[in-house]
N, C-alpha and C. Protein backbone atom coordinates (compact mmCIF):
# COMPACT_ATOMS: atom_id res chain seq x y z
N MET A 1 -85.30 243.71 -204.53
CA MET A 1 -84.25 243.09 -203.76
C MET A 1 -84.77 241.86 -203.02
N ALA A 2 -83.88 240.95 -202.72
CA ALA A 2 -84.23 239.72 -202.02
C ALA A 2 -84.37 239.98 -200.53
N GLU A 3 -85.16 239.15 -199.91
CA GLU A 3 -85.36 239.27 -198.46
C GLU A 3 -84.15 238.69 -197.73
N ILE A 4 -83.74 239.37 -196.67
CA ILE A 4 -82.59 238.92 -195.89
C ILE A 4 -83.06 237.80 -194.96
N VAL A 5 -82.30 236.70 -194.94
CA VAL A 5 -82.66 235.53 -194.14
C VAL A 5 -81.52 235.23 -193.18
N ASN A 6 -81.86 235.07 -191.90
CA ASN A 6 -80.88 234.66 -190.91
C ASN A 6 -80.70 233.14 -191.05
N LEU A 7 -79.53 232.73 -191.50
CA LEU A 7 -79.31 231.31 -191.78
C LEU A 7 -79.38 230.45 -190.53
N ASN A 8 -78.94 230.96 -189.39
CA ASN A 8 -79.02 230.18 -188.15
C ASN A 8 -80.47 229.91 -187.78
N LYS A 9 -81.33 230.93 -187.90
CA LYS A 9 -82.74 230.73 -187.57
C LYS A 9 -83.42 229.79 -188.57
N ALA A 10 -83.05 229.89 -189.83
CA ALA A 10 -83.62 229.01 -190.85
C ALA A 10 -83.21 227.56 -190.59
N ARG A 11 -81.95 227.36 -190.24
CA ARG A 11 -81.46 226.00 -189.95
C ARG A 11 -82.16 225.42 -188.74
N LYS A 12 -82.29 226.22 -187.68
CA LYS A 12 -82.94 225.74 -186.46
C LYS A 12 -84.42 225.46 -186.71
N ALA A 13 -85.08 226.29 -187.50
CA ALA A 13 -86.50 226.06 -187.81
C ALA A 13 -86.67 224.77 -188.61
N ARG A 14 -85.77 224.52 -189.56
CA ARG A 14 -85.84 223.29 -190.35
C ARG A 14 -85.63 222.07 -189.45
N THR A 15 -84.67 222.16 -188.52
CA THR A 15 -84.40 221.06 -187.60
C THR A 15 -85.61 220.79 -186.71
N ARG A 16 -86.23 221.87 -186.20
CA ARG A 16 -87.42 221.70 -185.36
C ARG A 16 -88.55 221.03 -186.13
N ALA A 17 -88.73 221.41 -187.39
CA ALA A 17 -89.79 220.82 -188.21
C ALA A 17 -89.52 219.34 -188.46
N GLU A 18 -88.26 218.99 -188.72
CA GLU A 18 -87.92 217.58 -188.94
C GLU A 18 -88.14 216.76 -187.67
N GLU A 19 -87.75 217.30 -186.52
CA GLU A 19 -87.94 216.59 -185.26
C GLU A 19 -89.41 216.43 -184.93
N ALA A 20 -90.21 217.45 -185.24
CA ALA A 20 -91.65 217.35 -185.00
C ALA A 20 -92.28 216.28 -185.88
N ALA A 21 -91.84 216.18 -187.12
CA ALA A 21 -92.36 215.15 -188.02
C ALA A 21 -91.97 213.76 -187.53
N GLU A 22 -90.73 213.61 -187.06
CA GLU A 22 -90.28 212.31 -186.53
C GLU A 22 -91.06 211.94 -185.27
N ALA A 23 -91.33 212.92 -184.41
CA ALA A 23 -92.09 212.67 -183.19
C ALA A 23 -93.51 212.23 -183.53
N ALA A 24 -94.11 212.86 -184.53
CA ALA A 24 -95.46 212.48 -184.94
C ALA A 24 -95.48 211.05 -185.48
N ALA A 25 -94.46 210.69 -186.24
CA ALA A 25 -94.39 209.32 -186.76
C ALA A 25 -94.22 208.32 -185.63
N ASN A 26 -93.40 208.65 -184.63
CA ASN A 26 -93.20 207.75 -183.48
C ASN A 26 -94.48 207.61 -182.67
N ARG A 27 -95.22 208.71 -182.51
CA ARG A 27 -96.49 208.62 -181.77
C ARG A 27 -97.46 207.70 -182.50
N ALA A 28 -97.50 207.81 -183.81
CA ALA A 28 -98.40 206.94 -184.59
C ALA A 28 -97.94 205.49 -184.54
N LYS A 29 -96.64 205.29 -184.52
CA LYS A 29 -96.10 203.93 -184.54
C LYS A 29 -96.20 203.24 -183.18
N HIS A 30 -95.85 203.95 -182.11
CA HIS A 30 -95.74 203.34 -180.79
C HIS A 30 -96.86 203.71 -179.83
N GLY A 31 -97.54 204.78 -180.08
CA GLY A 31 -98.54 205.25 -179.12
C GLY A 31 -99.85 204.50 -179.24
N ARG A 32 -100.17 203.75 -178.21
CA ARG A 32 -101.45 203.04 -178.18
C ARG A 32 -102.07 203.26 -176.81
N THR A 33 -103.38 203.30 -176.78
CA THR A 33 -104.06 203.52 -175.51
C THR A 33 -104.06 202.23 -174.70
N LYS A 34 -104.38 202.36 -173.43
CA LYS A 34 -104.44 201.20 -172.55
C LYS A 34 -105.52 200.24 -173.03
N ALA A 35 -106.63 200.78 -173.52
CA ALA A 35 -107.72 199.94 -174.02
C ALA A 35 -107.26 199.12 -175.24
N GLU A 36 -106.50 199.74 -176.13
CA GLU A 36 -106.01 199.02 -177.30
C GLU A 36 -105.05 197.90 -176.89
N LYS A 37 -104.17 198.18 -175.94
CA LYS A 37 -103.25 197.16 -175.46
C LYS A 37 -104.01 196.02 -174.79
N SER A 38 -105.01 196.36 -173.98
CA SER A 38 -105.80 195.35 -173.30
C SER A 38 -106.57 194.49 -174.31
N ASN A 39 -107.13 195.14 -175.31
CA ASN A 39 -107.88 194.41 -176.34
C ASN A 39 -106.97 193.45 -177.09
N ASP A 40 -105.75 193.89 -177.43
CA ASP A 40 -104.81 193.01 -178.12
C ASP A 40 -104.39 191.85 -177.24
N ALA A 41 -104.18 192.10 -175.95
CA ALA A 41 -103.80 191.02 -175.03
C ALA A 41 -104.93 190.00 -174.92
N HIS A 42 -106.17 190.48 -174.86
CA HIS A 42 -107.33 189.58 -174.77
C HIS A 42 -107.44 188.74 -176.05
N ALA A 43 -107.26 189.37 -177.20
CA ALA A 43 -107.32 188.64 -178.47
C ALA A 43 -106.22 187.59 -178.56
N GLU A 44 -105.03 187.94 -178.09
CA GLU A 44 -103.91 186.99 -178.10
C GLU A 44 -104.19 185.81 -177.17
N ALA A 45 -104.78 186.07 -176.02
CA ALA A 45 -105.12 185.00 -175.08
C ALA A 45 -106.17 184.06 -175.69
N ARG A 46 -107.15 184.64 -176.36
CA ARG A 46 -108.18 183.82 -177.01
C ARG A 46 -107.56 182.97 -178.12
N ARG A 47 -106.64 183.55 -178.89
CA ARG A 47 -105.99 182.82 -179.97
C ARG A 47 -105.18 181.66 -179.42
N LYS A 48 -104.43 181.89 -178.35
CA LYS A 48 -103.62 180.82 -177.75
C LYS A 48 -104.51 179.72 -177.18
N ALA A 49 -105.63 180.10 -176.54
CA ALA A 49 -106.53 179.11 -175.99
C ALA A 49 -107.14 178.26 -177.09
N LEU A 50 -107.47 178.89 -178.22
CA LEU A 50 -108.04 178.16 -179.34
C LEU A 50 -107.02 177.17 -179.91
N LEU A 51 -105.77 177.61 -180.03
CA LEU A 51 -104.74 176.71 -180.56
C LEU A 51 -104.43 175.59 -179.59
N ASP A 52 -104.38 175.88 -178.29
CA ASP A 52 -104.11 174.84 -177.30
C ASP A 52 -105.26 173.83 -177.25
N GLY A 53 -106.48 174.29 -177.45
CA GLY A 53 -107.63 173.40 -177.44
C GLY A 53 -107.64 172.48 -178.65
N ALA A 54 -107.05 172.91 -179.75
CA ALA A 54 -107.05 172.09 -180.98
C ALA A 54 -105.83 171.20 -181.07
N LYS A 55 -104.94 171.27 -180.09
CA LYS A 55 -103.69 170.49 -180.12
C LYS A 55 -104.01 169.00 -179.92
N ARG A 56 -103.37 168.19 -180.71
CA ARG A 56 -103.57 166.74 -180.60
C ARG A 56 -102.55 166.15 -179.67
N GLU A 57 -102.98 165.18 -178.90
CA GLU A 57 -102.07 164.48 -177.98
C GLU A 57 -101.40 163.34 -178.76
N GLU A 58 -100.13 163.15 -178.54
CA GLU A 58 -99.42 162.08 -179.23
C GLU A 58 -98.76 161.16 -178.26
């Protein structure tokens, strides 16, 4: 005989699994440490300074 499955519990478990997967993707996409943000800001400042230094006056 087949195992009896509570459809409400199965649906809720599937929803929880989908939400957990979406949360993990969002953490990977948006979650950055303060050091990473600081490093990116420093690199951007260096890049802008380099471009401003190479700008020609007209």
